[in-house]
Amino acid sequence: MYGLKQAPRAWSEKIGEYLVTSGFQTFDADFSLYVKKTNHGIVVIVIYVDDLIITGDNDVDIFNLKKLLKQKFEMKDLGELRYFLGIELIQSPKGIWLLQRQYVLNKLAEYGMTGCKPISIPLEQNVKLSADEGDLVEDTTIYRRIMGSLIYMTITRPNLSITVGVVS
């Protein structure tokens, strides 16, 4: 099944059906989110293609779920979540930090910007951009890719949101 055009849909249906029959609830707002409330707490699963993030407030419930999933499906437990979709997670007793340092460095290298100097304010205040000024972009695909990357960076850097919104 792996590698076939219909494989992602088939996998999603199979794992979803299994989780629902195991007592998990789904939500119309997010089809990749599964939640199960137990007598001991709550277990949450987020699915992205063939990767599962499993969390909750009861280690025994999480351990038992992983054991059941390994019996039903061929899986690996990669341990505590540290990096996912370009986002690094650092956990401490004070909280959880989300960082995109490596993602940003990769994007700077990809677009030839590694030698640029950082500035504290990414855009002058009250700037008004006009579609009629400046040169036209030859390849709009590159511009769209850059904008998509910048929008993704606002997950961990909400202070960039206004600037990215203006430029997009």
N, C-alpha and C. Protein backbone atom coordinates (compact mmCIF):
# COMPACT_ATOMS: atom_id res chain seq x y z
N MET A 1 0.82 -1.19 0.00
CA MET A 1 0.00 0.00 0.00
C MET A 1 0.87 1.26 0.00
N TYR A 2 2.01 1.22 0.67
CA TYR A 2 2.87 2.38 0.79
C TYR A 2 3.37 2.79 -0.60
N GLY A 3 3.26 4.06 -0.92
CA GLY A 3 3.73 4.56 -2.20
C GLY A 3 2.65 4.68 -3.26
N LEU A 4 1.51 4.08 -3.02
CA LEU A 4 0.42 4.18 -3.98
C LEU A 4 -0.29 5.52 -3.83
N LYS A 5 -0.94 5.93 -4.91
CA LYS A 5 -1.63 7.21 -4.92
C LYS A 5 -2.71 7.31 -3.83
N GLN A 6 -3.42 6.21 -3.61
CA GLN A 6 -4.51 6.20 -2.64
C GLN A 6 -4.06 5.83 -1.23
N ALA A 7 -2.76 5.59 -1.01
CA ALA A 7 -2.25 5.15 0.29
C ALA A 7 -2.55 6.12 1.44
N PRO A 8 -2.33 7.43 1.27
CA PRO A 8 -2.61 8.32 2.39
C PRO A 8 -4.07 8.27 2.85
N ARG A 9 -5.00 8.25 1.91
CA ARG A 9 -6.42 8.19 2.27
C ARG A 9 -6.75 6.86 2.94
N ALA A 10 -6.22 5.77 2.40
CA ALA A 10 -6.48 4.45 2.98
C ALA A 10 -5.92 4.36 4.40
N TRP A 11 -4.70 4.88 4.59
CA TRP A 11 -4.09 4.87 5.93
C TRP A 11 -4.92 5.71 6.89
N SER A 12 -5.31 6.90 6.46
CA SER A 12 -6.10 7.79 7.31
C SER A 12 -7.40 7.13 7.73
N GLU A 13 -8.06 6.48 6.79
CA GLU A 13 -9.32 5.79 7.11
C GLU A 13 -9.08 4.63 8.07
N LYS A 14 -8.03 3.87 7.83
CA LYS A 14 -7.75 2.69 8.66
C LYS A 14 -7.40 3.08 10.09
N ILE A 15 -6.47 4.02 10.27
CA ILE A 15 -6.07 4.43 11.61
C ILE A 15 -7.22 5.15 12.31
N GLY A 16 -7.97 5.96 11.56
CA GLY A 16 -9.11 6.67 12.14
C GLY A 16 -10.19 5.72 12.63
N GLU A 17 -10.50 4.74 11.82
CA GLU A 17 -11.50 3.74 12.20
C GLU A 17 -11.06 2.98 13.45
N TYR A 18 -9.79 2.61 13.50
CA TYR A 18 -9.26 1.89 14.65
C TYR A 18 -9.35 2.74 15.92
N LEU A 19 -8.97 4.01 15.82
CA LEU A 19 -8.99 4.89 16.99
C LEU A 19 -10.42 5.13 17.48
N VAL A 20 -11.35 5.32 16.56
CA VAL A 20 -12.74 5.55 16.95
C VAL A 20 -13.32 4.31 17.63
N THR A 21 -13.01 3.11 17.10
CA THR A 21 -13.50 1.88 17.75
C THR A 21 -12.79 1.64 19.08
N SER A 22 -11.66 2.31 19.30
CA SER A 22 -10.94 2.20 20.57
C SER A 22 -11.39 3.25 21.58
N GLY A 23 -12.42 4.03 21.23
CA GLY A 23 -12.98 4.99 22.18
C GLY A 23 -12.57 6.43 21.98
N PHE A 24 -11.84 6.73 20.91
CA PHE A 24 -11.42 8.11 20.66
C PHE A 24 -12.54 8.86 19.95
N GLN A 25 -12.61 10.16 20.21
CA GLN A 25 -13.57 11.03 19.55
C GLN A 25 -12.85 11.86 18.49
N THR A 26 -13.56 12.17 17.43
CA THR A 26 -13.02 13.06 16.40
C THR A 26 -13.80 14.37 16.45
N PHE A 27 -13.28 15.35 15.74
CA PHE A 27 -13.90 16.66 15.73
C PHE A 27 -14.02 17.16 14.30
N ASP A 28 -15.15 17.77 13.98
CA ASP A 28 -15.37 18.29 12.63
C ASP A 28 -14.37 19.38 12.27
N ALA A 29 -13.91 20.11 13.26
CA ALA A 29 -12.99 21.22 13.00
C ALA A 29 -11.59 20.74 12.63
N ASP A 30 -11.20 19.53 13.07
CA ASP A 30 -9.86 19.02 12.78
C ASP A 30 -9.92 17.50 12.69
N PHE A 31 -9.84 16.98 11.49
CA PHE A 31 -9.95 15.54 11.26
C PHE A 31 -8.71 14.77 11.70
N SER A 32 -7.64 15.48 12.02
CA SER A 32 -6.41 14.80 12.43
C SER A 32 -6.28 14.71 13.95
N LEU A 33 -7.28 15.20 14.68
CA LEU A 33 -7.24 15.23 16.13
C LEU A 33 -8.17 14.16 16.71
N TYR A 34 -7.62 13.34 17.61
CA TYR A 34 -8.39 12.29 18.28
C TYR A 34 -8.19 12.43 19.78
N VAL A 35 -9.28 12.39 20.54
CA VAL A 35 -9.23 12.58 21.98
C VAL A 35 -10.01 11.47 22.66
N LYS A 36 -9.42 10.95 23.74
CA LYS A 36 -10.09 9.92 24.54
C LYS A 36 -9.99 10.30 26.00
N LYS A 37 -11.14 10.38 26.65
CA LYS A 37 -11.17 10.64 28.08
C LYS A 37 -11.31 9.30 28.79
N THR A 38 -10.45 9.09 29.78
CA THR A 38 -10.48 7.86 30.57
C THR A 38 -10.76 8.22 32.03
N ASN A 39 -10.86 7.20 32.87
CA ASN A 39 -11.04 7.44 34.30
C ASN A 39 -9.82 8.12 34.92
N HIS A 40 -8.68 7.96 34.25
CA HIS A 40 -7.43 8.48 34.79
C HIS A 40 -7.03 9.83 34.20
N GLY A 41 -7.65 10.21 33.10
CA GLY A 41 -7.26 11.46 32.46
C GLY A 41 -7.68 11.52 31.01
N ILE A 42 -6.80 12.07 30.19
CA ILE A 42 -7.10 12.28 28.78
C ILE A 42 -5.89 11.89 27.94
N VAL A 43 -6.16 11.32 26.75
CA VAL A 43 -5.12 10.99 25.79
C VAL A 43 -5.48 11.70 24.49
N VAL A 44 -4.50 12.36 23.89
CA VAL A 44 -4.71 13.12 22.66
C VAL A 44 -3.75 12.60 21.60
N ILE A 45 -4.28 12.39 20.40
CA ILE A 45 -3.44 11.98 19.26
C ILE A 45 -3.65 12.98 18.14
N VAL A 46 -2.56 13.46 17.58
CA VAL A 46 -2.59 14.29 16.39
C VAL A 46 -1.87 13.52 15.30
N ILE A 47 -2.50 13.41 14.14
CA ILE A 47 -1.92 12.64 13.04
C ILE A 47 -1.56 13.58 11.90
N TYR A 48 -0.33 13.44 11.41
CA TYR A 48 0.10 14.14 10.21
C TYR A 48 0.68 13.09 9.27
N VAL A 49 -0.04 12.78 8.24
CA VAL A 49 0.27 11.74 7.26
C VAL A 49 0.48 10.42 7.99
N ASP A 50 1.73 9.99 8.18
CA ASP A 50 1.96 8.72 8.88
C ASP A 50 2.70 8.92 10.19
N ASP A 51 2.71 10.14 10.69
CA ASP A 51 3.32 10.45 11.98
C ASP A 51 2.23 10.73 12.99
N LEU A 52 2.39 10.18 14.19
CA LEU A 52 1.43 10.39 15.27
C LEU A 52 2.13 11.08 16.43
N ILE A 53 1.51 12.11 16.96
CA ILE A 53 1.95 12.72 18.20
C ILE A 53 0.94 12.26 19.24
N ILE A 54 1.44 11.60 20.26
CA ILE A 54 0.57 11.08 21.32
C ILE A 54 0.95 11.79 22.62
N THR A 55 -0.05 12.36 23.27
CA THR A 55 0.19 13.06 24.53
C THR A 55 -1.00 12.88 25.44
N GLY A 56 -0.86 13.30 26.65
CA GLY A 56 -1.95 13.19 27.62
C GLY A 56 -1.44 13.49 29.01
N ASP A 57 -2.33 13.30 29.97
CA ASP A 57 -1.94 13.61 31.34
C ASP A 57 -1.77 12.35 32.21
N ASN A 58 -1.73 11.16 31.56
CA ASN A 58 -1.55 9.93 32.30
C ASN A 58 -0.59 9.02 31.54
N ASP A 59 0.61 8.84 32.07
CA ASP A 59 1.64 8.05 31.40
C ASP A 59 1.23 6.60 31.17
N VAL A 60 0.45 6.03 32.08
CA VAL A 60 0.01 4.63 31.94
C VAL A 60 -0.92 4.49 30.74
N ASP A 61 -1.87 5.41 30.59
CA ASP A 61 -2.78 5.38 29.44
C ASP A 61 -2.01 5.52 28.12
N ILE A 62 -1.03 6.41 28.10
CA ILE A 62 -0.22 6.61 26.89
C ILE A 62 0.58 5.35 26.58
N PHE A 63 1.20 4.76 27.58
CA PHE A 63 1.97 3.52 27.40
C PHE A 63 1.07 2.41 26.85
N ASN A 64 -0.12 2.24 27.43
CA ASN A 64 -1.05 1.19 26.98
C ASN A 64 -1.50 1.44 25.54
N LEU A 65 -1.76 2.68 25.20
CA LEU A 65 -2.16 3.01 23.83
C LEU A 65 -1.05 2.67 22.85
N LYS A 66 0.18 3.05 23.17
CA LYS A 66 1.31 2.74 22.29
C LYS A 66 1.46 1.23 22.11
N LYS A 67 1.27 0.50 23.18
CA LYS A 67 1.37 -0.95 23.13
C LYS A 67 0.30 -1.53 22.18
N LEU A 68 -0.93 -1.05 22.30
CA LEU A 68 -2.01 -1.50 21.42
C LEU A 68 -1.73 -1.15 19.95
N LEU A 69 -1.27 0.07 19.72
CA LEU A 69 -0.98 0.50 18.35
C LEU A 69 0.13 -0.34 17.73
N LYS A 70 1.16 -0.67 18.52
CA LYS A 70 2.26 -1.49 18.01
C LYS A 70 1.80 -2.91 17.68
N GLN A 71 0.79 -3.41 18.41
CA GLN A 71 0.26 -4.74 18.11
C GLN A 71 -0.53 -4.74 16.81
N LYS A 72 -1.22 -3.64 16.53
CA LYS A 72 -2.08 -3.55 15.36
C LYS A 72 -1.33 -3.08 14.11
N PHE A 73 -0.39 -2.17 14.30
CA PHE A 73 0.32 -1.56 13.17
C PHE A 73 1.83 -1.66 13.39
N GLU A 74 2.57 -1.64 12.28
CA GLU A 74 4.03 -1.61 12.37
C GLU A 74 4.43 -0.17 12.69
N MET A 75 4.98 0.03 13.89
CA MET A 75 5.29 1.38 14.34
C MET A 75 6.60 1.42 15.11
N LYS A 76 7.16 2.63 15.16
CA LYS A 76 8.34 2.90 15.99
C LYS A 76 7.97 4.01 16.96
N ASP A 77 8.43 3.90 18.19
CA ASP A 77 8.27 4.96 19.17
C ASP A 77 9.57 5.76 19.19
N LEU A 78 9.50 6.99 18.74
CA LEU A 78 10.69 7.83 18.67
C LEU A 78 10.94 8.60 19.97
N GLY A 79 10.16 8.31 21.00
CA GLY A 79 10.37 8.94 22.29
C GLY A 79 9.74 10.30 22.39
N GLU A 80 10.28 11.09 23.29
CA GLU A 80 9.74 12.42 23.54
C GLU A 80 9.87 13.29 22.29
N LEU A 81 8.83 14.03 21.99
CA LEU A 81 8.80 14.89 20.82
C LEU A 81 9.81 16.02 20.96
N ARG A 82 10.70 16.12 19.98
CA ARG A 82 11.71 17.17 19.99
C ARG A 82 11.66 18.05 18.74
N TYR A 83 11.24 17.47 17.61
CA TYR A 83 11.24 18.20 16.35
C TYR A 83 10.11 17.67 15.48
N PHE A 84 9.28 18.56 14.97
CA PHE A 84 8.14 18.13 14.15
C PHE A 84 7.78 19.23 13.17
N LEU A 85 7.77 18.91 11.88
CA LEU A 85 7.37 19.83 10.82
C LEU A 85 8.11 21.17 10.88
N GLY A 86 9.41 21.10 11.12
CA GLY A 86 10.22 22.31 11.15
C GLY A 86 10.14 23.09 12.46
N ILE A 87 9.46 22.51 13.46
CA ILE A 87 9.33 23.18 14.75
C ILE A 87 10.05 22.35 15.81
N GLU A 88 10.97 22.99 16.51
CA GLU A 88 11.70 22.33 17.59
C GLU A 88 10.94 22.59 18.90
N LEU A 89 10.78 21.54 19.70
CA LEU A 89 10.09 21.65 20.98
C LEU A 89 11.08 21.42 22.11
N ILE A 90 11.12 22.34 23.05
CA ILE A 90 11.97 22.20 24.22
C ILE A 90 11.06 22.23 25.44
N GLN A 91 11.12 21.15 26.21
CA GLN A 91 10.27 21.05 27.40
C GLN A 91 11.11 21.22 28.66
N SER A 92 10.56 21.95 29.62
CA SER A 92 11.21 22.13 30.91
C SER A 92 10.11 22.26 31.96
N PRO A 93 10.47 22.25 33.21
CA PRO A 93 9.46 22.44 34.26
C PRO A 93 8.74 23.80 34.16
N LYS A 94 9.37 24.77 33.50
CA LYS A 94 8.77 26.10 33.36
C LYS A 94 7.78 26.18 32.20
N GLY A 95 7.82 25.21 31.27
CA GLY A 95 6.91 25.25 30.14
C GLY A 95 7.49 24.59 28.91
N ILE A 96 6.84 24.84 27.78
CA ILE A 96 7.26 24.28 26.50
C ILE A 96 7.56 25.45 25.56
N TRP A 97 8.72 25.40 24.94
CA TRP A 97 9.12 26.41 23.98
C TRP A 97 9.06 25.82 22.58
N LEU A 98 8.53 26.60 21.65
CA LEU A 98 8.50 26.22 20.25
C LEU A 98 9.47 27.13 19.50
N LEU A 99 10.40 26.52 18.77
CA LEU A 99 11.41 27.27 18.04
C LEU A 99 11.46 26.81 16.59
N GLN A 100 11.84 27.69 15.71
CA GLN A 100 12.03 27.33 14.30
C GLN A 100 13.40 27.77 13.82
N ARG A 101 14.38 27.74 14.68
CA ARG A 101 15.72 28.22 14.35
C ARG A 101 16.27 27.52 13.11
N GLN A 102 16.27 26.19 13.09
CA GLN A 102 16.83 25.46 11.96
C GLN A 102 16.02 25.69 10.69
N TYR A 103 14.70 25.77 10.83
CA TYR A 103 13.84 26.06 9.67
C TYR A 103 14.20 27.42 9.07
N VAL A 104 14.36 28.43 9.92
CA VAL A 104 14.71 29.77 9.45
C VAL A 104 16.08 29.77 8.78
N LEU A 105 17.06 29.10 9.40
CA LEU A 105 18.40 29.03 8.81
C LEU A 105 18.36 28.34 7.45
N ASN A 106 17.58 27.27 7.34
CA ASN A 106 17.44 26.56 6.05
C ASN A 106 16.82 27.47 4.99
N LYS A 107 15.81 28.23 5.37
CA LYS A 107 15.15 29.13 4.41
C LYS A 107 16.07 30.28 4.01
N LEU A 108 16.83 30.81 4.97
CA LEU A 108 17.78 31.86 4.62
C LEU A 108 18.81 31.35 3.61
N ALA A 109 19.29 30.13 3.82
CA ALA A 109 20.25 29.54 2.88
C ALA A 109 19.60 29.28 1.53
N GLU A 110 18.38 28.77 1.55
CA GLU A 110 17.67 28.44 0.31
C GLU A 110 17.47 29.68 -0.57
N TYR A 111 17.22 30.84 0.05
CA TYR A 111 16.96 32.05 -0.70
C TYR A 111 18.15 33.00 -0.75
N GLY A 112 19.35 32.50 -0.39
CA GLY A 112 20.57 33.29 -0.51
C GLY A 112 20.62 34.48 0.42
N MET A 113 20.10 34.35 1.63
CA MET A 113 20.03 35.47 2.55
C MET A 113 20.86 35.26 3.83
N THR A 114 21.76 34.27 3.83
CA THR A 114 22.49 33.96 5.07
C THR A 114 23.43 35.08 5.50
N GLY A 115 23.89 35.91 4.58
CA GLY A 115 24.81 36.99 4.92
C GLY A 115 24.12 38.27 5.35
N CYS A 116 22.81 38.30 5.35
CA CYS A 116 22.08 39.52 5.71
C CYS A 116 22.17 39.81 7.20
N LYS A 117 22.14 41.09 7.53
CA LYS A 117 22.20 41.50 8.92
C LYS A 117 20.79 41.61 9.48
N PRO A 118 20.58 41.13 10.71
CA PRO A 118 19.24 41.25 11.32
C PRO A 118 18.95 42.69 11.73
N ILE A 119 17.66 43.01 11.75
CA ILE A 119 17.23 44.32 12.24
C ILE A 119 16.11 44.10 13.26
N SER A 120 15.95 45.08 14.15
CA SER A 120 14.96 44.91 15.22
C SER A 120 13.53 45.15 14.72
N ILE A 121 13.36 46.02 13.73
CA ILE A 121 12.03 46.30 13.19
C ILE A 121 12.03 45.87 11.73
N PRO A 122 11.28 44.81 11.41
CA PRO A 122 11.34 44.28 10.05
C PRO A 122 10.69 45.16 8.98
N LEU A 123 9.90 46.15 9.37
CA LEU A 123 9.23 47.01 8.39
C LEU A 123 9.00 48.37 9.03
N GLU A 124 9.22 49.42 8.27
CA GLU A 124 8.97 50.76 8.80
C GLU A 124 7.50 50.88 9.20
N GLN A 125 7.26 51.63 10.28
CA GLN A 125 5.89 51.81 10.73
C GLN A 125 5.10 52.64 9.73
N ASN A 126 3.84 52.31 9.58
CA ASN A 126 2.89 53.02 8.72
C ASN A 126 3.30 53.05 7.26
N VAL A 127 4.10 52.08 6.83
CA VAL A 127 4.50 52.03 5.43
C VAL A 127 3.29 51.61 4.58
N LYS A 128 3.18 52.23 3.41
CA LYS A 128 2.10 51.89 2.50
C LYS A 128 2.74 51.37 1.21
N LEU A 129 2.51 50.09 0.93
CA LEU A 129 3.05 49.50 -0.29
C LEU A 129 2.04 49.65 -1.41
N SER A 130 2.56 49.79 -2.62
CA SER A 130 1.68 49.97 -3.77
C SER A 130 2.03 48.94 -4.84
N ALA A 131 1.02 48.39 -5.45
CA ALA A 131 1.23 47.41 -6.52
C ALA A 131 1.77 48.08 -7.79
N ASP A 132 1.64 49.40 -7.88
CA ASP A 132 2.06 50.13 -9.08
C ASP A 132 3.52 50.56 -9.03
N GLU A 133 4.18 50.42 -7.88
CA GLU A 133 5.56 50.87 -7.74
C GLU A 133 6.53 49.69 -7.77
N GLY A 134 7.76 49.96 -8.20
CA GLY A 134 8.79 48.93 -8.19
C GLY A 134 8.74 48.04 -9.42
N ASP A 135 9.68 47.11 -9.48
CA ASP A 135 9.77 46.19 -10.60
C ASP A 135 8.85 44.99 -10.38
N LEU A 136 8.35 44.44 -11.47
CA LEU A 136 7.52 43.24 -11.38
C LEU A 136 8.42 42.04 -11.09
N VAL A 137 7.91 41.13 -10.34
CA VAL A 137 8.64 39.90 -10.04
C VAL A 137 8.55 38.99 -11.26
N GLU A 138 9.72 38.52 -11.73
CA GLU A 138 9.75 37.67 -12.91
C GLU A 138 9.08 36.33 -12.67
N ASP A 139 9.46 35.69 -11.56
CA ASP A 139 8.92 34.37 -11.24
C ASP A 139 8.09 34.47 -9.97
N THR A 140 6.77 34.52 -10.11
CA THR A 140 5.91 34.67 -8.94
C THR A 140 5.91 33.42 -8.07
N THR A 141 6.34 32.28 -8.61
CA THR A 141 6.39 31.05 -7.83
C THR A 141 7.36 31.20 -6.66
N ILE A 142 8.51 31.81 -6.91
CA ILE A 142 9.50 32.01 -5.85
C ILE A 142 8.93 32.94 -4.78
N TYR A 143 8.28 34.01 -5.21
CA TYR A 143 7.67 34.94 -4.26
C TYR A 143 6.64 34.21 -3.39
N ARG A 144 5.82 33.38 -4.00
CA ARG A 144 4.81 32.64 -3.25
C ARG A 144 5.44 31.67 -2.26
N ARG A 145 6.52 31.01 -2.68
CA ARG A 145 7.22 30.09 -1.77
C ARG A 145 7.81 30.85 -0.58
N ILE A 146 8.40 32.00 -0.85
CA ILE A 146 8.96 32.82 0.24
C ILE A 146 7.84 33.24 1.19
N MET A 147 6.73 33.70 0.63
CA MET A 147 5.62 34.14 1.48
C MET A 147 5.07 32.97 2.31
N GLY A 148 4.96 31.80 1.71
CA GLY A 148 4.50 30.63 2.46
C GLY A 148 5.45 30.31 3.61
N SER A 149 6.74 30.41 3.36
CA SER A 149 7.74 30.18 4.41
C SER A 149 7.62 31.21 5.52
N LEU A 150 7.44 32.46 5.15
CA LEU A 150 7.29 33.52 6.15
C LEU A 150 6.01 33.35 6.98
N ILE A 151 4.94 32.99 6.32
CA ILE A 151 3.69 32.75 7.04
C ILE A 151 3.87 31.60 8.04
N TYR A 152 4.58 30.55 7.62
CA TYR A 152 4.82 29.42 8.52
C TYR A 152 5.68 29.84 9.71
N MET A 153 6.60 30.78 9.51
CA MET A 153 7.45 31.25 10.60
C MET A 153 6.67 32.01 11.67
N THR A 154 5.51 32.57 11.31
CA THR A 154 4.73 33.32 12.29
C THR A 154 4.14 32.42 13.37
N ILE A 155 4.22 31.09 13.21
CA ILE A 155 3.77 30.18 14.26
C ILE A 155 4.54 30.45 15.55
N THR A 156 5.84 30.61 15.42
CA THR A 156 6.68 30.83 16.61
C THR A 156 7.12 32.28 16.75
N ARG A 157 6.87 33.08 15.74
CA ARG A 157 7.26 34.49 15.78
C ARG A 157 6.06 35.36 15.42
N PRO A 158 5.06 35.42 16.31
CA PRO A 158 3.86 36.21 15.99
C PRO A 158 4.16 37.69 15.77
N ASN A 159 5.31 38.16 16.25
CA ASN A 159 5.68 39.56 16.03
C ASN A 159 5.94 39.86 14.55
N LEU A 160 6.11 38.82 13.73
CA LEU A 160 6.29 39.03 12.30
C LEU A 160 4.97 39.10 11.53
N SER A 161 3.87 38.80 12.18
CA SER A 161 2.57 38.66 11.51
C SER A 161 2.15 39.90 10.74
N ILE A 162 2.30 41.07 11.36
CA ILE A 162 1.86 42.29 10.67
C ILE A 162 2.72 42.54 9.43
N THR A 163 4.03 42.40 9.57
CA THR A 163 4.93 42.61 8.44
C THR A 163 4.65 41.61 7.32
N VAL A 164 4.52 40.35 7.67
CA VAL A 164 4.25 39.31 6.66
C VAL A 164 2.90 39.58 6.00
N GLY A 165 1.92 40.01 6.78
CA GLY A 165 0.61 40.33 6.21
C GLY A 165 0.67 41.48 5.22
N VAL A 166 1.43 42.51 5.54
CA VAL A 166 1.56 43.66 4.65
C VAL A 166 2.25 43.25 3.35
N VAL A 167 3.33 42.50 3.48
CA VAL A 167 4.11 42.11 2.29
C VAL A 167 3.32 41.11 1.43
N SER A 168 2.54 40.26 2.07
CA SER A 168 1.80 39.28 1.27
C SER A 168 0.63 39.93 0.57
